[in-house]
N, C-alpha and C. Protein backbone atom coordinates (compact mmCIF):
# COMPACT_ATOMS: atom_id res chain seq x y z
N MET A 1 -59.92 41.25 17.10
CA MET A 1 -58.68 40.77 17.61
C MET A 1 -58.19 41.64 18.71
N THR A 2 -57.50 41.06 19.69
CA THR A 2 -56.90 41.88 20.71
C THR A 2 -55.47 42.16 20.32
N GLU A 3 -55.12 43.35 20.69
CA GLU A 3 -53.72 43.80 20.38
C GLU A 3 -52.82 43.33 21.52
N LYS A 4 -51.56 43.01 21.00
CA LYS A 4 -50.48 42.62 21.97
C LYS A 4 -50.01 43.87 22.65
N PRO A 5 -49.74 43.82 23.99
CA PRO A 5 -49.23 45.00 24.68
C PRO A 5 -47.86 45.36 24.19
N GLU A 6 -47.46 46.57 24.19
CA GLU A 6 -46.12 46.97 23.73
C GLU A 6 -45.14 46.57 24.82
N LEU A 7 -44.08 45.76 24.42
CA LEU A 7 -43.12 45.28 25.33
C LEU A 7 -42.06 46.39 25.54
N GLU A 8 -41.55 46.43 26.72
CA GLU A 8 -40.58 47.40 27.07
C GLU A 8 -39.21 46.99 26.46
N LYS A 9 -38.47 48.05 26.01
CA LYS A 9 -37.18 47.79 25.35
C LYS A 9 -36.07 48.53 26.12
N ASP A 10 -34.82 47.93 26.06
CA ASP A 10 -33.74 48.58 26.79
C ASP A 10 -33.08 49.62 25.80
N ALA A 11 -31.97 50.18 26.21
CA ALA A 11 -31.31 51.22 25.38
C ALA A 11 -30.77 50.64 24.03
N TYR A 12 -30.62 49.36 24.02
CA TYR A 12 -30.08 48.71 22.76
C TYR A 12 -31.19 48.26 21.82
N GLY A 13 -32.43 48.39 22.31
CA GLY A 13 -33.60 47.97 21.43
C GLY A 13 -34.05 46.61 21.74
N ASP A 14 -33.32 45.93 22.70
CA ASP A 14 -33.68 44.55 23.01
C ASP A 14 -34.88 44.53 23.92
N ILE A 15 -35.79 43.61 23.76
CA ILE A 15 -37.02 43.46 24.50
C ILE A 15 -36.68 42.98 25.97
N ILE A 16 -37.17 43.67 26.95
CA ILE A 16 -37.00 43.32 28.36
C ILE A 16 -38.17 42.42 28.67
N GLU A 17 -37.82 41.18 29.05
CA GLU A 17 -38.83 40.20 29.40
C GLU A 17 -39.44 40.56 30.68
N PRO A 18 -40.82 40.58 30.82
CA PRO A 18 -41.46 40.84 32.12
C PRO A 18 -41.18 39.67 33.06
N PRO A 19 -40.99 39.94 34.33
CA PRO A 19 -40.70 38.84 35.26
C PRO A 19 -42.00 37.99 35.40
N LEU A 20 -41.66 36.65 35.55
CA LEU A 20 -42.80 35.73 35.73
C LEU A 20 -43.30 35.86 37.18
N GLU A 21 -44.56 35.80 37.34
CA GLU A 21 -45.12 35.99 38.69
C GLU A 21 -44.82 34.76 39.59
N ASN A 22 -44.74 33.62 39.01
CA ASN A 22 -44.50 32.42 39.76
C ASN A 22 -43.07 31.92 39.63
N ASP A 23 -42.15 32.81 39.31
CA ASP A 23 -40.76 32.40 39.16
C ASP A 23 -40.11 32.30 40.51
N TYR A 24 -39.76 31.09 40.86
CA TYR A 24 -39.17 30.86 42.22
C TYR A 24 -37.92 31.58 42.48
N GLY A 25 -36.96 31.61 41.50
CA GLY A 25 -35.71 32.35 41.63
C GLY A 25 -35.88 33.84 41.90
N SER A 26 -36.81 34.42 41.10
CA SER A 26 -37.07 35.89 41.31
C SER A 26 -37.64 36.16 42.65
N ASN A 27 -38.56 35.28 43.12
CA ASN A 27 -39.16 35.41 44.50
C ASN A 27 -38.12 35.35 45.48
N VAL A 28 -37.15 34.39 45.41
CA VAL A 28 -36.10 34.26 46.41
C VAL A 28 -35.23 35.42 46.35
N ASP A 29 -34.80 35.92 45.18
CA ASP A 29 -34.01 37.05 45.03
C ASP A 29 -34.66 38.29 45.72
N ALA A 30 -35.95 38.45 45.51
CA ALA A 30 -36.64 39.64 46.08
C ALA A 30 -36.66 39.49 47.58
N LEU A 31 -36.78 38.28 48.10
CA LEU A 31 -36.78 38.10 49.57
C LEU A 31 -35.38 38.43 50.14
N VAL A 32 -34.37 37.89 49.52
CA VAL A 32 -32.99 38.13 49.96
C VAL A 32 -32.67 39.61 49.90
N ASP A 33 -33.08 40.26 48.89
CA ASP A 33 -32.79 41.71 48.75
C ASP A 33 -33.55 42.53 49.79
N SER A 34 -34.63 42.04 50.26
CA SER A 34 -35.47 42.79 51.23
C SER A 34 -34.94 42.49 52.65
N MET A 35 -34.12 41.55 52.90
CA MET A 35 -33.66 41.26 54.20
C MET A 35 -32.68 42.28 54.75
N PRO A 36 -32.88 42.71 55.98
CA PRO A 36 -32.00 43.68 56.56
C PRO A 36 -30.65 42.98 56.85
N VAL A 37 -29.59 43.75 56.55
CA VAL A 37 -28.26 43.23 56.81
C VAL A 37 -27.66 43.91 57.94
N ALA A 38 -27.33 43.09 59.01
CA ALA A 38 -26.64 43.65 60.17
C ALA A 38 -25.41 42.94 60.36
N PRO A 39 -24.31 43.71 60.54
CA PRO A 39 -23.01 43.08 60.69
C PRO A 39 -22.98 42.28 62.03
N PRO A 40 -22.34 41.11 62.05
CA PRO A 40 -22.22 40.42 63.33
C PRO A 40 -21.48 41.17 64.41
N THR A 41 -21.99 41.11 65.56
CA THR A 41 -21.22 41.74 66.70
C THR A 41 -20.19 40.80 67.21
N THR A 42 -19.29 41.32 67.98
CA THR A 42 -18.24 40.55 68.63
C THR A 42 -18.86 39.48 69.53
N HIS A 43 -19.91 39.84 70.18
CA HIS A 43 -20.52 38.86 71.04
C HIS A 43 -21.11 37.69 70.23
N ASP A 44 -21.75 38.00 69.09
CA ASP A 44 -22.28 36.92 68.25
C ASP A 44 -21.15 36.01 67.72
N VAL A 45 -20.04 36.58 67.28
CA VAL A 45 -18.94 35.81 66.71
C VAL A 45 -18.36 34.88 67.81
N ASN A 46 -18.16 35.46 69.03
CA ASN A 46 -17.61 34.70 70.14
C ASN A 46 -18.59 33.53 70.50
N THR A 47 -19.86 33.84 70.52
CA THR A 47 -20.85 32.81 70.94
C THR A 47 -20.83 31.70 69.94
N VAL A 48 -20.84 32.01 68.64
CA VAL A 48 -20.81 30.96 67.63
C VAL A 48 -19.49 30.18 67.71
N HIS A 49 -18.43 30.89 67.93
CA HIS A 49 -17.07 30.15 68.06
C HIS A 49 -17.04 29.22 69.24
N ASN A 50 -17.58 29.64 70.37
CA ASN A 50 -17.65 28.78 71.51
C ASN A 50 -18.58 27.63 71.31
N GLU A 51 -19.69 27.81 70.60
CA GLU A 51 -20.58 26.68 70.28
C GLU A 51 -19.86 25.71 69.36
N LEU A 52 -19.10 26.20 68.39
CA LEU A 52 -18.40 25.32 67.45
C LEU A 52 -17.27 24.54 68.15
N LEU A 53 -16.67 25.20 69.17
CA LEU A 53 -15.54 24.44 69.91
C LEU A 53 -16.09 23.21 70.62
N ASN A 54 -17.42 23.11 70.81
CA ASN A 54 -17.98 21.89 71.47
C ASN A 54 -17.96 20.77 70.53
N ASP A 55 -17.86 21.07 69.18
CA ASP A 55 -17.77 19.98 68.15
C ASP A 55 -16.27 19.54 68.10
N PRO A 56 -15.92 18.34 68.44
CA PRO A 56 -14.55 17.89 68.50
C PRO A 56 -13.84 18.01 67.10
N HIS A 57 -14.62 17.76 66.01
CA HIS A 57 -13.96 17.87 64.71
C HIS A 57 -13.52 19.32 64.40
N TYR A 58 -14.35 20.23 64.78
CA TYR A 58 -14.01 21.69 64.59
C TYR A 58 -12.84 22.04 65.49
N ALA A 59 -12.88 21.63 66.73
CA ALA A 59 -11.82 21.98 67.70
C ALA A 59 -10.50 21.42 67.24
N VAL A 60 -10.48 20.17 66.78
CA VAL A 60 -9.22 19.51 66.39
C VAL A 60 -8.68 20.24 65.13
N HIS A 61 -9.55 20.44 64.16
CA HIS A 61 -9.18 21.20 62.96
C HIS A 61 -8.56 22.56 63.30
N LEU A 62 -9.25 23.31 64.16
CA LEU A 62 -8.80 24.61 64.52
C LEU A 62 -7.44 24.58 65.17
N HIS A 63 -7.17 23.63 66.05
CA HIS A 63 -5.94 23.58 66.76
C HIS A 63 -4.84 23.06 65.83
N GLU A 64 -5.13 22.18 64.90
CA GLU A 64 -4.17 21.74 63.87
C GLU A 64 -3.70 22.92 63.06
N ARG A 65 -4.67 23.79 62.66
CA ARG A 65 -4.30 24.91 61.80
C ARG A 65 -3.44 25.85 62.62
N GLN A 66 -3.74 26.09 63.89
CA GLN A 66 -2.95 26.95 64.77
C GLN A 66 -1.46 26.38 64.87
N LEU A 67 -1.38 25.09 65.09
CA LEU A 67 -0.07 24.46 65.18
C LEU A 67 0.70 24.54 63.89
N GLU A 68 0.00 24.36 62.74
CA GLU A 68 0.62 24.55 61.42
C GLU A 68 1.21 25.91 61.27
N ARG A 69 0.42 26.94 61.60
CA ARG A 69 0.88 28.29 61.49
C ARG A 69 2.05 28.59 62.40
N LEU A 70 2.01 28.11 63.64
CA LEU A 70 3.20 28.26 64.52
C LEU A 70 4.38 27.55 64.01
N THR A 71 4.19 26.34 63.46
CA THR A 71 5.31 25.60 62.94
C THR A 71 5.97 26.35 61.75
N THR A 72 5.17 26.83 60.90
CA THR A 72 5.65 27.55 59.73
C THR A 72 6.40 28.81 60.20
N PHE A 73 5.88 29.49 61.16
CA PHE A 73 6.55 30.68 61.69
C PHE A 73 7.92 30.33 62.31
N VAL A 74 7.94 29.29 63.10
CA VAL A 74 9.26 28.86 63.71
C VAL A 74 10.21 28.46 62.69
N GLU A 75 9.81 27.69 61.70
CA GLU A 75 10.72 27.29 60.61
C GLU A 75 11.26 28.50 59.85
N GLU A 76 10.44 29.45 59.56
CA GLU A 76 10.87 30.63 58.81
C GLU A 76 11.84 31.44 59.72
N LEU A 77 11.54 31.49 60.98
CA LEU A 77 12.36 32.23 61.89
C LEU A 77 13.81 31.54 62.01
N ALA A 78 13.80 30.24 62.04
CA ALA A 78 15.07 29.52 62.11
C ALA A 78 15.89 29.72 60.82
N VAL A 79 15.25 29.66 59.66
CA VAL A 79 15.97 29.86 58.45
C VAL A 79 16.58 31.24 58.40
N ARG A 80 15.80 32.25 58.82
CA ARG A 80 16.31 33.65 58.85
C ARG A 80 17.48 33.77 59.81
N LEU A 81 17.41 33.12 60.99
CA LEU A 81 18.44 33.22 61.99
C LEU A 81 19.71 32.54 61.48
N ILE A 82 19.60 31.36 60.88
CA ILE A 82 20.79 30.72 60.29
C ILE A 82 21.42 31.56 59.22
N ALA A 83 20.58 32.17 58.34
CA ALA A 83 21.13 33.05 57.30
C ALA A 83 21.89 34.24 57.95
N LEU A 84 21.29 34.80 59.02
CA LEU A 84 21.93 35.95 59.69
C LEU A 84 23.22 35.56 60.33
N GLU A 85 23.25 34.39 61.03
CA GLU A 85 24.46 33.88 61.54
C GLU A 85 25.53 33.69 60.55
N GLU A 86 25.18 33.12 59.36
CA GLU A 86 26.18 32.89 58.29
C GLU A 86 26.67 34.25 57.80
N HIS A 87 25.79 35.22 57.75
CA HIS A 87 26.21 36.51 57.22
C HIS A 87 27.20 37.18 58.19
N ILE A 88 26.90 37.06 59.51
CA ILE A 88 27.71 37.73 60.54
C ILE A 88 29.05 36.93 60.78
N HIS A 89 28.96 35.65 60.93
CA HIS A 89 30.11 34.84 61.37
C HIS A 89 30.77 34.05 60.18
N GLY A 90 30.10 34.04 59.04
CA GLY A 90 30.61 33.26 57.90
C GLY A 90 30.15 31.89 58.03
N LYS A 91 30.49 31.07 57.09
CA LYS A 91 30.09 29.64 57.04
C LYS A 91 30.69 28.89 58.27
N ASP A 92 29.88 28.16 58.99
CA ASP A 92 30.39 27.39 60.14
C ASP A 92 31.28 26.23 59.72
N PRO A 93 32.56 26.28 60.13
CA PRO A 93 33.49 25.22 59.68
C PRO A 93 33.16 23.84 60.31
N ASN A 94 32.33 23.81 61.40
CA ASN A 94 32.07 22.60 62.10
C ASN A 94 30.51 22.53 62.26
N PRO A 95 29.77 22.26 61.20
CA PRO A 95 28.34 22.28 61.32
C PRO A 95 27.88 21.06 62.16
N GLY A 96 27.15 21.34 63.19
CA GLY A 96 26.67 20.31 64.08
C GLY A 96 25.49 19.50 63.57
N LEU A 97 24.74 20.02 62.64
CA LEU A 97 23.55 19.26 62.15
C LEU A 97 23.91 18.12 61.26
N GLU A 98 25.07 18.10 60.68
CA GLU A 98 25.41 16.99 59.86
C GLU A 98 25.52 15.67 60.61
N GLU A 99 25.77 15.80 61.91
CA GLU A 99 25.80 14.57 62.79
C GLU A 99 24.40 13.96 63.00
N TYR A 100 23.40 14.70 62.67
CA TYR A 100 22.04 14.28 62.85
C TYR A 100 21.30 14.26 61.54
N PRO A 101 21.26 13.14 60.84
CA PRO A 101 20.69 13.11 59.45
C PRO A 101 19.16 13.31 59.50
N GLU A 102 18.53 13.07 60.69
CA GLU A 102 17.06 13.22 60.74
C GLU A 102 16.71 14.68 60.79
N VAL A 103 17.62 15.59 61.01
CA VAL A 103 17.37 17.00 61.00
C VAL A 103 17.76 17.55 59.66
N LYS A 104 16.81 18.16 58.96
CA LYS A 104 17.12 18.74 57.63
C LYS A 104 16.93 20.22 57.70
N GLN A 105 17.87 20.95 57.05
CA GLN A 105 17.73 22.39 57.03
C GLN A 105 16.90 22.80 55.89
């Protein structure tokens, strides 16, 4: 009879399974681990960004996000300015925005 090879055990006494030679996941992991990692340069990022801007969906989405951020900033700025005016001058006895129901504070 042939003897079974002694299996390697970890610190807890559990058997460490030997890796399968034809295991696709292990092969991919080994390839990914062996790939050199180079951080993207500013030139690479700008080149990719300019290429993506040629896609109208990307460009529209990017500009929508920029407009949303600017709108949020202006709204927050207006709220802070109104609060500051109320703090300095007190409550306005003649609020002008009540005449315009489409404008909400």
